[in-house]
């Protein structure tokens, strides 16, 4: 079994520093890079703090036989095209495994769940936005339920999601300070236009509200479609193939932004000289393509971990609901 000293020796810090980082000591002054190295090394060595081991031991008798169902907004093929959701699911599976649990059934449709569901499930993870009727149906069964990556319209359901409203406002604040005035936005169809995304998209809504709150005319260069590279290509080309093209295009996710980069190239427009492009999520490809994609980094790994933590707490008897909202940060790269 790995020890704190093993981690300290590998990272090149003191055991005390390792201990304080792994116990989330907010008063510790240490660089983000060193903190990341400590956490990743601990994960690589499969280290668990005494508190984590005690928690696992306490919960093992309750959770070892728990049957977990996962209801996903995407089917398996769609998920393969979206690295963000792959990261969330992998994180969920990894942290369930650490608690000696696994997903017993996965579906992207409520009617495709096991016969007798939810009586045959001890807990349910709902990943990505689902319709109000689906969430109401699941919540009213009394089976522990965790909504992942979206806030449901209920206060009695656990959920974890990124603060997309603040993230979008922070991004616009930063871009405005850099002098950009002509904006385009490409995002997801939602609400009545897309039953699979029944909740308003917080990025597009905040985008429009940001201008209104400052007494500014909302940009007309706003387009919506599916969150795919092809949609990003087609929508961005519509915005760019005009005389009055925007200075900058904000895409609701990185896959759309990558499509937007391809659209600019197809029109012989240079990024960032002729147009800037920004995405959301910070998928691995964002830092590998050329030009590197400026993006709002969303902690997908942490979303998955927090979802499992909420689920385990419910299985151990917590009766009140919890909402976890995770912060974001802008990763500035060559595209903007």
C-alpha atoms as a PDB file:
ATOM      1  CA  UNK A   1       0.000   0.000   0.000  1.00  0.00           C
ATOM      2  CA  UNK A   2       1.347   3.420  -0.994  1.00  0.00           C
ATOM      3  CA  UNK A   3       2.237   5.903   1.725  1.00  0.00           C
ATOM      4  CA  UNK A   4       2.398   9.683   1.950  1.00  0.00           C
ATOM      5  CA  UNK A   5       6.202   9.406   1.874  1.00  0.00           C
ATOM      6  CA  UNK A   6       6.029   7.503  -1.430  1.00  0.00           C
ATOM      7  CA  UNK A   7       4.032  10.352  -2.954  1.00  0.00           C
ATOM      8  CA  UNK A   8       6.319  13.005  -1.435  1.00  0.00           C
ATOM      9  CA  UNK A   9       9.446  11.299  -2.787  1.00  0.00           C
ATOM     10  CA  UNK A  10       8.009  11.011  -6.285  1.00  0.00           C
ATOM     11  CA  UNK A  11       6.781  14.637  -6.459  1.00  0.00           C
ATOM     12  CA  UNK A  12       9.728  16.148  -4.568  1.00  0.00           C
ATOM     13  CA  UNK A  13       7.894  17.787  -1.670  1.00  0.00           C
ATOM     14  CA  UNK A  14       7.593  17.132   2.032  1.00  0.00           C
ATOM     15  CA  UNK A  15       5.186  14.516   3.440  1.00  0.00           C
ATOM     16  CA  UNK A  16       3.470  17.336   5.343  1.00  0.00           C
ATOM     17  CA  UNK A  17       2.723  19.146   2.087  1.00  0.00           C
ATOM     18  CA  UNK A  18       1.302  15.968   0.566  1.00  0.00           C
ATOM     19  CA  UNK A  19      -0.895  15.385   3.599  1.00  0.00           C
ATOM     20  CA  UNK A  20      -2.252  18.920   3.570  1.00  0.00           C
ATOM     21  CA  UNK A  21      -3.008  18.842  -0.170  1.00  0.00           C
ATOM     22  CA  UNK A  22      -4.807  15.491   0.035  1.00  0.00           C
ATOM     23  CA  UNK A  23      -6.862  16.740   2.971  1.00  0.00           C
ATOM     24  CA  UNK A  24      -7.853  19.898   1.055  1.00  0.00           C
ATOM     25  CA  UNK A  25      -6.146  22.335   3.417  1.00  0.00           C
ATOM     26  CA  UNK A  26      -7.189  25.698   1.935  1.00  0.00           C
ATOM     27  CA  UNK A  27      -4.598  27.587   4.009  1.00  0.00           C
ATOM     28  CA  UNK A  28      -1.683  25.800   2.321  1.00  0.00           C
ATOM     29  CA  UNK A  29       0.354  27.938  -0.065  1.00  0.00           C
ATOM     30  CA  UNK A  30       1.366  25.684  -2.959  1.00  0.00           C
ATOM     31  CA  UNK A  31       1.305  26.158  -6.732  1.00  0.00           C
ATOM     32  CA  UNK A  32      -1.576  24.705  -8.742  1.00  0.00           C
ATOM     33  CA  UNK A  33       0.906  22.667 -10.761  1.00  0.00           C
ATOM     34  CA  UNK A  34       2.426  21.085  -7.641  1.00  0.00           C
ATOM     35  CA  UNK A  35      -1.045  20.448  -6.203  1.00  0.00           C
ATOM     36  CA  UNK A  36      -2.045  18.725  -9.447  1.00  0.00           C
ATOM     37  CA  UNK A  37       1.110  16.571  -9.405  1.00  0.00           C
ATOM     38  CA  UNK A  38       0.409  15.449  -5.833  1.00  0.00           C
ATOM     39  CA  UNK A  39      -3.215  14.535  -6.555  1.00  0.00           C
ATOM     40  CA  UNK A  40      -2.372  12.712  -9.800  1.00  0.00           C
ATOM     41  CA  UNK A  41       0.512  10.819  -8.167  1.00  0.00           C
ATOM     42  CA  UNK A  42      -1.765   9.771  -5.306  1.00  0.00           C
ATOM     43  CA  UNK A  43      -4.286   8.488  -7.856  1.00  0.00           C
ATOM     44  CA  UNK A  44      -1.583   6.655  -9.816  1.00  0.00           C
ATOM     45  CA  UNK A  45      -0.396   4.943  -6.631  1.00  0.00           C
ATOM     46  CA  UNK A  46      -3.988   4.218  -5.564  1.00  0.00           C
ATOM     47  CA  UNK A  47      -3.423   6.051  -2.283  1.00  0.00           C
ATOM     48  CA  UNK A  48      -6.336   6.713   0.059  1.00  0.00           C
ATOM     49  CA  UNK A  49      -6.177   9.059   3.036  1.00  0.00           C
ATOM     50  CA  UNK A  50      -7.133   7.639   6.454  1.00  0.00           C
ATOM     51  CA  UNK A  51     -10.402   9.561   6.201  1.00  0.00           C
ATOM     52  CA  UNK A  52     -11.115   8.017   2.788  1.00  0.00           C
ATOM     53  CA  UNK A  53     -10.280   4.506   4.051  1.00  0.00           C
ATOM     54  CA  UNK A  54     -12.511   4.960   7.082  1.00  0.00           C
ATOM     55  CA  UNK A  55     -15.320   6.256   4.898  1.00  0.00           C
ATOM     56  CA  UNK A  56     -14.952   3.320   2.515  1.00  0.00           C
ATOM     57  CA  UNK A  57     -14.976   0.824   5.382  1.00  0.00           C
ATOM     58  CA  UNK A  58     -18.031   2.459   6.927  1.00  0.00           C
ATOM     59  CA  UNK A  59     -19.908   2.418   3.634  1.00  0.00           C
ATOM     60  CA  UNK A  60     -18.818  -0.948   2.286  1.00  0.00           C
ATOM     61  CA  UNK A  61     -21.499  -2.968   4.054  1.00  0.00           C
ATOM     62  CA  UNK A  62     -24.144  -0.616   2.705  1.00  0.00           C
ATOM     63  CA  UNK A  63     -22.914  -0.214  -0.849  1.00  0.00           C
ATOM     64  CA  UNK A  64     -21.170  -3.417  -1.903  1.00  0.00           C
ATOM     65  CA  UNK A  65     -24.344  -4.997  -3.216  1.00  0.00           C
ATOM     66  CA  UNK A  66     -25.950  -1.787  -4.466  1.00  0.00           C
ATOM     67  CA  UNK A  67     -27.327  -1.903  -8.001  1.00  0.00           C
ATOM     68  CA  UNK A  68     -26.524   1.282  -9.905  1.00  0.00           C
ATOM     69  CA  UNK A  69     -28.346   2.413 -13.050  1.00  0.00           C
ATOM     70  CA  UNK A  70     -27.112   5.142 -15.367  1.00  0.00           C
ATOM     71  CA  UNK A  71     -29.504   7.088 -17.581  1.00  0.00           C
ATOM     72  CA  UNK A  72     -27.521   9.073 -20.167  1.00  0.00           C
ATOM     73  CA  UNK A  73     -28.683  11.861 -22.461  1.00  0.00           C
ATOM     74  CA  UNK A  74     -26.474  10.412 -25.208  1.00  0.00           C
ATOM     75  CA  UNK A  75     -26.405   6.944 -26.657  1.00  0.00           C
ATOM     76  CA  UNK A  76     -23.064   5.120 -26.883  1.00  0.00           C
ATOM     77  CA  UNK A  77     -22.347   6.314 -30.440  1.00  0.00           C
ATOM     78  CA  UNK A  78     -23.146   9.944 -29.648  1.00  0.00           C
ATOM     79  CA  UNK A  79     -21.018   9.841 -26.524  1.00  0.00           C
ATOM     80  CA  UNK A  80     -17.992   8.681 -28.514  1.00  0.00           C
ATOM     81  CA  UNK A  81     -18.153  11.974 -30.415  1.00  0.00           C
ATOM     82  CA  UNK A  82     -18.131  14.056 -27.223  1.00  0.00           C
ATOM     83  CA  UNK A  83     -14.929  13.699 -25.140  1.00  0.00           C
ATOM     84  CA  UNK A  84     -16.432  15.830 -22.371  1.00  0.00           C
ATOM     85  CA  UNK A  85     -19.117  13.273 -21.569  1.00  0.00           C
ATOM     86  CA  UNK A  86     -16.662  10.409 -22.004  1.00  0.00           C
ATOM     87  CA  UNK A  87     -14.520  11.980 -19.276  1.00  0.00           C
ATOM     88  CA  UNK A  88     -17.516  12.326 -16.961  1.00  0.00           C
ATOM     89  CA  UNK A  89     -18.550   8.705 -17.455  1.00  0.00           C
ATOM     90  CA  UNK A  90     -15.006   7.382 -17.030  1.00  0.00           C
ATOM     91  CA  UNK A  91     -14.713   9.392 -13.820  1.00  0.00           C
ATOM     92  CA  UNK A  92     -18.001   7.960 -12.550  1.00  0.00           C
ATOM     93  CA  UNK A  93     -16.904   4.413 -13.349  1.00  0.00           C
ATOM     94  CA  UNK A  94     -13.470   4.912 -11.755  1.00  0.00           C
ATOM     95  CA  UNK A  95     -14.843   6.291  -8.505  1.00  0.00           C
ATOM     96  CA  UNK A  96     -17.594   3.686  -8.338  1.00  0.00           C
ATOM     97  CA  UNK A  97     -14.906   1.029  -8.761  1.00  0.00           C
ATOM     98  CA  UNK A  98     -12.951   2.529  -5.873  1.00  0.00           C
ATOM     99  CA  UNK A  99     -16.069   1.951  -3.754  1.00  0.00           C
ATOM    100  CA  UNK A 100     -16.354  -1.629  -5.086  1.00  0.00           C
ATOM    101  CA  UNK A 101     -19.364  -0.700  -7.200  1.00  0.00           C
ATOM    102  CA  UNK A 102     -20.161  -0.705 -10.890  1.00  0.00           C
ATOM    103  CA  UNK A 103     -22.949   0.357 -13.227  1.00  0.00           C
ATOM    104  CA  UNK A 104     -25.385  -2.537 -13.585  1.00  0.00           C
ATOM    105  CA  UNK A 105     -27.395  -1.000 -16.384  1.00  0.00           C
ATOM    106  CA  UNK A 106     -26.936   1.897 -18.773  1.00  0.00           C
ATOM    107  CA  UNK A 107     -29.577   3.412 -21.030  1.00  0.00           C
ATOM    108  CA  UNK A 108     -30.325   6.645 -22.819  1.00  0.00           C
ATOM    109  CA  UNK A 109     -34.081   6.096 -22.687  1.00  0.00           C
ATOM    110  CA  UNK A 110     -36.305   5.720 -19.668  1.00  0.00           C
ATOM    111  CA  UNK A 111     -38.302   2.930 -21.320  1.00  0.00           C
ATOM    112  CA  UNK A 112     -35.108   0.957 -22.024  1.00  0.00           C
ATOM    113  CA  UNK A 113     -34.309   0.472 -18.345  1.00  0.00           C
ATOM    114  CA  UNK A 114     -34.733  -2.966 -16.743  1.00  0.00           C
ATOM    115  CA  UNK A 115     -38.206  -4.408 -16.369  1.00  0.00           C
ATOM    116  CA  UNK A 116     -39.434  -3.553 -12.912  1.00  0.00           C
ATOM    117  CA  UNK A 117     -37.203  -0.471 -12.782  1.00  0.00           C
ATOM    118  CA  UNK A 118     -36.673   1.367 -10.476  1.00  0.00           C
ATOM    119  CA  UNK A 119     -37.386  -1.412  -7.955  1.00  0.00           C
ATOM    120  CA  UNK A 120     -34.368  -3.253  -9.338  1.00  0.00           C
ATOM    121  CA  UNK A 121     -32.081  -0.254  -8.812  1.00  0.00           C
ATOM    122  CA  UNK A 122     -30.682   1.032  -5.520  1.00  0.00           C
ATOM    123  CA  UNK A 123     -29.493   4.332  -6.996  1.00  0.00           C
ATOM    124  CA  UNK A 124     -29.698   6.181 -10.304  1.00  0.00           C
ATOM    125  CA  UNK A 125     -27.232   8.523 -11.997  1.00  0.00           C
ATOM    126  CA  UNK A 126     -28.826  10.754 -14.645  1.00  0.00           C
ATOM    127  CA  UNK A 127     -26.104  12.186 -16.905  1.00  0.00           C
ATOM    128  CA  UNK A 128     -26.902  15.183 -19.089  1.00  0.00           C
ATOM    129  CA  UNK A 129     -30.201  17.079 -19.298  1.00  0.00           C
ATOM    130  CA  UNK A 130     -33.397  15.031 -19.330  1.00  0.00           C
ATOM    131  CA  UNK A 131     -37.049  16.050 -19.517  1.00  0.00           C
ATOM    132  CA  UNK A 132     -38.984  17.264 -16.502  1.00  0.00           C
ATOM    133  CA  UNK A 133     -41.335  14.267 -16.663  1.00  0.00           C
ATOM    134  CA  UNK A 134     -38.409  11.838 -16.553  1.00  0.00           C
ATOM    135  CA  UNK A 135     -36.838  13.511 -13.512  1.00  0.00           C
ATOM    136  CA  UNK A 136     -40.197  13.778 -11.747  1.00  0.00           C
ATOM    137  CA  UNK A 137     -40.923  10.107 -12.396  1.00  0.00           C
ATOM    138  CA  UNK A 138     -37.549   8.978 -11.080  1.00  0.00           C
ATOM    139  CA  UNK A 139     -37.575  11.295  -8.060  1.00  0.00           C
ATOM    140  CA  UNK A 140     -41.024  10.212  -6.955  1.00  0.00           C
ATOM    141  CA  UNK A 141     -40.011   6.549  -6.779  1.00  0.00           C
ATOM    142  CA  UNK A 142     -37.883   7.251  -3.719  1.00  0.00           C
ATOM    143  CA  UNK A 143     -34.754   5.648  -5.237  1.00  0.00           C
ATOM    144  CA  UNK A 144     -31.644   7.801  -4.577  1.00  0.00           C
ATOM    145  CA  UNK A 145     -31.143   9.992  -7.633  1.00  0.00           C
ATOM    146  CA  UNK A 146     -28.194  12.164  -8.718  1.00  0.00           C
ATOM    147  CA  UNK A 147     -28.442  14.541 -11.683  1.00  0.00           C
ATOM    148  CA  UNK A 148     -25.048  14.986 -13.329  1.00  0.00           C
ATOM    149  CA  UNK A 149     -24.003  18.041 -15.371  1.00  0.00           C
ATOM    150  CA  UNK A 150     -27.351  19.831 -15.142  1.00  0.00           C
ATOM    151  CA  UNK A 151     -29.595  21.391 -12.476  1.00  0.00           C
ATOM    152  CA  UNK A 152     -33.084  19.832 -12.376  1.00  0.00           C
ATOM    153  CA  UNK A 153     -36.177  21.873 -11.593  1.00  0.00           C
ATOM    154  CA  UNK A 154     -36.531  20.198  -8.202  1.00  0.00           C
ATOM    155  CA  UNK A 155     -35.004  21.012  -4.837  1.00  0.00           C
ATOM    156  CA  UNK A 156     -35.269  17.471  -3.443  1.00  0.00           C
ATOM    157  CA  UNK A 157     -32.819  15.894  -5.892  1.00  0.00           C
ATOM    158  CA  UNK A 158     -29.023  15.760  -5.591  1.00  0.00           C
ATOM    159  CA  UNK A 159     -27.136  17.350  -8.460  1.00  0.00           C
ATOM    160  CA  UNK A 160     -23.685  18.474  -9.561  1.00  0.00           C
ATOM    161  CA  UNK A 161     -23.020  20.823 -12.456  1.00  0.00           C
ATOM    162  CA  UNK A 162     -20.626  23.549 -13.623  1.00  0.00           C
ATOM    163  CA  UNK A 163     -21.474  27.215 -13.121  1.00  0.00           C
ATOM    164  CA  UNK A 164     -22.031  27.991 -16.797  1.00  0.00           C
ATOM    165  CA  UNK A 165     -23.735  31.307 -16.091  1.00  0.00           C
ATOM    166  CA  UNK A 166     -20.753  32.713 -14.209  1.00  0.00           C
ATOM    167  CA  UNK A 167     -18.365  31.084 -16.672  1.00  0.00           C
ATOM    168  CA  UNK A 168     -20.034  32.780 -19.645  1.00  0.00           C
ATOM    169  CA  UNK A 169     -20.188  36.141 -17.881  1.00  0.00           C
ATOM    170  CA  UNK A 170     -16.509  35.894 -16.918  1.00  0.00           C
ATOM    171  CA  UNK A 171     -15.575  35.041 -20.491  1.00  0.00           C
ATOM    172  CA  UNK A 172     -17.497  37.998 -21.915  1.00  0.00           C
ATOM    173  CA  UNK A 173     -16.004  40.322 -19.297  1.00  0.00           C
ATOM    174  CA  UNK A 174     -12.514  39.230 -20.307  1.00  0.00           C
ATOM    175  CA  UNK A 175     -13.170  39.480 -24.046  1.00  0.00           C
ATOM    176  CA  UNK A 176     -14.750  42.931 -23.692  1.00  0.00           C
ATOM    177  CA  UNK A 177     -11.722  44.122 -21.750  1.00  0.00           C
ATOM    178  CA  UNK A 178      -9.548  42.873 -24.611  1.00  0.00           C
ATOM    179  CA  UNK A 179     -11.458  45.214 -26.932  1.00  0.00           C
ATOM    180  CA  UNK A 180     -13.734  42.842 -28.842  1.00  0.00           C
ATOM    181  CA  UNK A 181     -17.081  44.365 -29.860  1.00  0.00           C
ATOM    182  CA  UNK A 182     -18.484  42.208 -32.687  1.00  0.00           C
ATOM    183  CA  UNK A 183     -19.578  38.802 -31.358  1.00  0.00           C
ATOM    184  CA  UNK A 184     -21.043  35.653 -32.803  1.00  0.00           C
ATOM    185  CA  UNK A 185     -22.408  32.715 -30.830  1.00  0.00           C
ATOM    186  CA  UNK A 186     -23.117  29.136 -31.909  1.00  0.00           C
ATOM    187  CA  UNK A 187     -24.841  26.844 -29.445  1.00  0.00           C
ATOM    188  CA  UNK A 188     -27.308  24.066 -28.760  1.00  0.00           C
ATOM    189  CA  UNK A 189     -30.972  23.927 -29.619  1.00  0.00           C
ATOM    190  CA  UNK A 190     -32.912  23.590 -26.373  1.00  0.00           C
ATOM    191  CA  UNK A 191     -36.388  23.834 -24.905  1.00  0.00           C
ATOM    192  CA  UNK A 192     -39.298  23.212 -27.261  1.00  0.00           C
ATOM    193  CA  UNK A 193     -36.935  23.076 -30.254  1.00  0.00           C
ATOM    194  CA  UNK A 194     -35.070  20.089 -28.813  1.00  0.00           C
ATOM    195  CA  UNK A 195     -36.954  17.779 -26.425  1.00  0.00           C
ATOM    196  CA  UNK A 196     -33.667  16.031 -25.601  1.00  0.00           C
ATOM    197  CA  UNK A 197     -32.375  19.310 -24.101  1.00  0.00           C
ATOM    198  CA  UNK A 198     -35.503  20.593 -22.320  1.00  0.00           C
ATOM    199  CA  UNK A 199     -33.692  23.090 -20.111  1.00  0.00           C
ATOM    200  CA  UNK A 200     -32.582  26.497 -21.476  1.00  0.00           C
ATOM    201  CA  UNK A 201     -28.911  26.487 -22.444  1.00  0.00           C
ATOM    202  CA  UNK A 202     -27.235  28.613 -19.785  1.00  0.00           C
ATOM    203  CA  UNK A 203     -24.374  29.690 -22.046  1.00  0.00           C
ATOM    204  CA  UNK A 204     -26.604  31.156 -24.767  1.00  0.00           C
ATOM    205  CA  UNK A 205     -29.044  32.644 -22.263  1.00  0.00           C
ATOM    206  CA  UNK A 206     -26.257  34.312 -20.282  1.00  0.00           C
ATOM    207  CA  UNK A 207     -24.671  35.512 -23.542  1.00  0.00           C
ATOM    208  CA  UNK A 208     -27.830  37.430 -24.467  1.00  0.00           C
ATOM    209  CA  UNK A 209     -28.478  38.667 -20.917  1.00  0.00           C
ATOM    210  CA  UNK A 210     -24.917  39.983 -20.570  1.00  0.00           C
ATOM    211  CA  UNK A 211     -25.454  42.527 -23.356  1.00  0.00           C
ATOM    212  CA  UNK A 212     -28.968  43.440 -22.189  1.00  0.00           C
ATOM    213  CA  UNK A 213     -27.755  44.091 -18.622  1.00  0.00           C
ATOM    214  CA  UNK A 214     -25.273  46.652 -19.979  1.00  0.00           C
ATOM    215  CA  UNK A 215     -27.761  48.446 -22.187  1.00  0.00           C
ATOM    216  CA  UNK A 216     -26.127  47.037 -25.316  1.00  0.00           C
ATOM    217  CA  UNK A 217     -27.818  45.648 -28.381  1.00  0.00           C
ATOM    218  CA  UNK A 218     -27.657  41.865 -28.361  1.00  0.00           C
ATOM    219  CA  UNK A 219     -25.608  40.445 -31.250  1.00  0.00           C
ATOM    220  CA  UNK A 220     -27.630  39.232 -34.222  1.00  0.00           C
ATOM    221  CA  UNK A 221     -25.004  36.638 -35.156  1.00  0.00           C
ATOM    222  CA  UNK A 222     -26.451  33.854 -33.006  1.00  0.00           C
ATOM    223  CA  UNK A 223     -27.159  30.373 -34.373  1.00  0.00           C
ATOM    224  CA  UNK A 224     -28.289  27.084 -32.805  1.00  0.00           C
ATOM    225  CA  UNK A 225     -27.995  23.426 -33.783  1.00  0.00           C
ATOM    226  CA  UNK A 226     -26.656  20.166 -32.346  1.00  0.00           C
ATOM    227  CA  UNK A 227     -23.400  20.259 -30.397  1.00  0.00           C
ATOM    228  CA  UNK A 228     -21.280  18.554 -33.069  1.00  0.00           C
ATOM    229  CA  UNK A 229     -18.246  19.513 -35.180  1.00  0.00           C
ATOM    230  CA  UNK A 230     -20.371  19.486 -38.360  1.00  0.00           C
ATOM    231  CA  UNK A 231     -22.911  21.848 -36.797  1.00  0.00           C
ATOM    232  CA  UNK A 232     -20.065  24.071 -35.652  1.00  0.00           C
ATOM    233  CA  UNK A 233     -18.665  24.091 -39.189  1.00  0.00           C
ATOM    234  CA  UNK A 234     -21.984  24.905 -40.833  1.00  0.00           C
ATOM    235  CA  UNK A 235     -23.094  27.569 -38.342  1.00  0.00           C
ATOM    236  CA  UNK A 236     -19.707  29.271 -38.213  1.00  0.00           C
ATOM    237  CA  UNK A 237     -19.522  29.338 -42.007  1.00  0.00           C
ATOM    238  CA  UNK A 238     -22.904  31.088 -42.083  1.00  0.00           C
ATOM    239  CA  UNK A 239     -21.554  33.763 -39.746  1.00  0.00           C
ATOM    240  CA  UNK A 240     -18.177  34.134 -41.423  1.00  0.00           C
ATOM    241  CA  UNK A 241     -19.202  34.076 -45.087  1.00  0.00           C
ATOM    242  CA  UNK A 242     -20.570  37.629 -44.922  1.00  0.00           C
ATOM    243  CA  UNK A 243     -19.106  41.101 -45.257  1.00  0.00           C
ATOM    244  CA  UNK A 244     -20.080  41.986 -41.676  1.00  0.00           C
ATOM    245  CA  UNK A 245     -18.582  38.949 -39.999  1.00  0.00           C
ATOM    246  CA  UNK A 246     -17.990  38.891 -36.211  1.00  0.00           C
ATOM    247  CA  UNK A 247     -14.557  39.493 -34.722  1.00  0.00           C
ATOM    248  CA  UNK A 248     -15.000  36.529 -32.447  1.00  0.00           C
ATOM    249  CA  UNK A 249     -17.182  33.409 -32.338  1.00  0.00           C
ATOM    250  CA  UNK A 250     -18.050  31.796 -29.026  1.00  0.00           C
ATOM    251  CA  UNK A 251     -19.034  28.134 -29.363  1.00  0.00           C
ATOM    252  CA  UNK A 252     -21.040  26.338 -26.677  1.00  0.00           C
ATOM    253  CA  UNK A 253     -18.550  23.476 -26.627  1.00  0.00           C
ATOM    254  CA  UNK A 254     -15.139  22.597 -27.999  1.00  0.00           C
ATOM    255  CA  UNK A 255     -16.402  20.188 -30.646  1.00  0.00           C
ATOM    256  CA  UNK A 256     -18.445  22.999 -32.203  1.00  0.00           C
ATOM    257  CA  UNK A 257     -15.444  25.321 -31.869  1.00  0.00           C
ATOM    258  CA  UNK A 258     -13.244  22.846 -33.729  1.00  0.00           C
ATOM    259  CA  UNK A 259     -15.831  22.810 -36.506  1.00  0.00           C
ATOM    260  CA  UNK A 260     -15.723  26.626 -36.475  1.00  0.00           C
ATOM    261  CA  UNK A 261     -11.937  26.544 -36.904  1.00  0.00           C
ATOM    262  CA  UNK A 262     -12.394  24.319 -39.944  1.00  0.00           C
ATOM    263  CA  UNK A 263     -15.022  26.709 -41.331  1.00  0.00           C
ATOM    264  CA  UNK A 264     -12.615  29.632 -41.026  1.00  0.00           C
ATOM    265  CA  UNK A 265      -9.940  27.642 -42.831  1.00  0.00           C
ATOM    266  CA  UNK A 266     -12.351  26.716 -45.616  1.00  0.00           C
ATOM    267  CA  UNK A 267     -12.936  30.437 -46.225  1.00  0.00           C
ATOM    268  CA  UNK A 268      -9.201  31.197 -46.143  1.00  0.00           C
ATOM    269  CA  UNK A 269      -9.622  33.175 -42.915  1.00  0.00           C
ATOM    270  CA  UNK A 270      -6.705  33.155 -40.508  1.00  0.00           C
ATOM    271  CA  UNK A 271      -7.301  32.426 -36.814  1.00  0.00           C
ATOM    272  CA  UNK A 272      -6.692  34.606 -34.826  1.00  0.00           C
ATOM    273  CA  UNK A 273      -5.758  37.336 -37.336  1.00  0.00           C
ATOM    274  CA  UNK A 274      -9.120  37.454 -39.157  1.00  0.00           C
ATOM    275  CA  UNK A 275     -11.407  35.925 -36.533  1.00  0.00           C
ATOM    276  CA  UNK A 276     -11.051  34.575 -33.007  1.00  0.00           C
ATOM    277  CA  UNK A 277     -12.748  31.406 -31.801  1.00  0.00           C
ATOM    278  CA  UNK A 278     -13.477  30.275 -28.244  1.00  0.00           C
ATOM    279  CA  UNK A 279     -15.052  27.076 -26.921  1.00  0.00           C
ATOM    280  CA  UNK A 280     -16.195  25.459 -23.682  1.00  0.00           C
ATOM    281  CA  UNK A 281     -15.046  22.277 -21.869  1.00  0.00           C
ATOM    282  CA  UNK A 282     -11.275  22.106 -22.547  1.00  0.00           C
ATOM    283  CA  UNK A 283     -11.310  18.647 -24.088  1.00  0.00           C
ATOM    284  CA  UNK A 284      -7.857  17.098 -24.729  1.00  0.00           C
ATOM    285  CA  UNK A 285      -7.900  18.058 -28.411  1.00  0.00           C
ATOM    286  CA  UNK A 286      -8.232  21.763 -27.526  1.00  0.00           C
ATOM    287  CA  UNK A 287      -4.574  21.953 -26.559  1.00  0.00           C
ATOM    288  CA  UNK A 288      -3.315  19.718 -29.377  1.00  0.00           C
ATOM    289  CA  UNK A 289      -4.808  21.277 -32.505  1.00  0.00           C
ATOM    290  CA  UNK A 290      -3.275  24.208 -34.339  1.00  0.00           C
ATOM    291  CA  UNK A 291      -4.034  26.909 -33.499  1.00  0.00           C
ATOM    292  CA  UNK A 292      -4.598  25.869 -29.903  1.00  0.00           C
ATOM    293  CA  UNK A 293      -8.188  26.513 -28.844  1.00  0.00           C
ATOM    294  CA  UNK A 294      -8.968  29.085 -26.176  1.00  0.00           C
ATOM    295  CA  UNK A 295     -11.682  27.524 -24.059  1.00  0.00           C
ATOM    296  CA  UNK A 296     -13.513  27.643 -20.736  1.00  0.00           C
ATOM    297  CA  UNK A 297     -12.196  24.650 -18.797  1.00  0.00           C
ATOM    298  CA  UNK A 298     -14.937  22.649 -17.074  1.00  0.00           C
ATOM    299  CA  UNK A 299     -13.779  20.064 -14.496  1.00  0.00           C
ATOM    300  CA  UNK A 300     -15.412  16.980 -16.029  1.00  0.00           C
ATOM    301  CA  UNK A 301     -13.350  14.588 -13.894  1.00  0.00           C
ATOM    302  CA  UNK A 302     -14.452  16.379 -10.723  1.00  0.00           C
ATOM    303  CA  UNK A 303     -18.085  16.338 -11.839  1.00  0.00           C
ATOM    304  CA  UNK A 304     -17.949  12.542 -12.078  1.00  0.00           C
ATOM    305  CA  UNK A 305     -16.252  12.214  -8.705  1.00  0.00           C
ATOM    306  CA  UNK A 306     -18.727  14.536  -7.003  1.00  0.00           C
ATOM    307  CA  UNK A 307     -21.637  12.594  -8.519  1.00  0.00           C
ATOM    308  CA  UNK A 308     -20.358   9.344  -7.012  1.00  0.00           C
ATOM    309  CA  UNK A 309     -19.742  11.041  -3.644  1.00  0.00           C
ATOM    310  CA  UNK A 310     -23.354  12.248  -3.608  1.00  0.00           C
ATOM    311  CA  UNK A 311     -24.619   8.792  -4.541  1.00  0.00           C
ATOM    312  CA  UNK A 312     -22.583   7.073  -1.810  1.00  0.00           C
ATOM    313  CA  UNK A 313     -23.800   9.531   0.799  1.00  0.00           C
ATOM    314  CA  UNK A 314     -27.400   8.811  -0.180  1.00  0.00           C
ATOM    315  CA  UNK A 315     -26.815   5.069   0.013  1.00  0.00           C
ATOM    316  CA  UNK A 316     -25.371   5.592   3.491  1.00  0.00           C
ATOM    317  CA  UNK A 317     -28.505   7.307   4.706  1.00  0.00           C
ATOM    318  CA  UNK A 318     -28.256  11.039   4.017  1.00  0.00           C
ATOM    319  CA  UNK A 319     -31.853  12.254   3.777  1.00  0.00           C
ATOM    320  CA  UNK A 320     -31.456  15.884   2.668  1.00  0.00           C
ATOM    321  CA  UNK A 321     -30.632  16.970  -0.857  1.00  0.00           C
ATOM    322  CA  UNK A 322     -27.329  18.515  -1.947  1.00  0.00           C
ATOM    323  CA  UNK A 323     -26.402  20.765  -4.850  1.00  0.00           C
ATOM    324  CA  UNK A 324     -22.750  21.059  -5.908  1.00  0.00           C
ATOM    325  CA  UNK A 325     -21.802  23.851  -8.315  1.00  0.00           C
ATOM    326  CA  UNK A 326     -18.266  23.718  -9.698  1.00  0.00           C
ATOM    327  CA  UNK A 327     -16.254  26.694 -10.884  1.00  0.00           C
ATOM    328  CA  UNK A 328     -14.445  27.072 -14.219  1.00  0.00           C
ATOM    329  CA  UNK A 329     -11.402  28.854 -15.642  1.00  0.00           C
ATOM    330  CA  UNK A 330     -10.419  30.261 -19.017  1.00  0.00           C
ATOM    331  CA  UNK A 331      -7.556  28.534 -20.855  1.00  0.00           C
ATOM    332  CA  UNK A 332      -6.054  31.140 -23.168  1.00  0.00           C
ATOM    333  CA  UNK A 333      -4.487  29.680 -26.301  1.00  0.00           C
ATOM    334  CA  UNK A 334      -3.651  30.841 -29.825  1.00  0.00           C
ATOM    335  CA  UNK A 335      -7.226  30.979 -31.207  1.00  0.00           C
ATOM    336  CA  UNK A 336      -7.958  34.100 -29.173  1.00  0.00           C
END
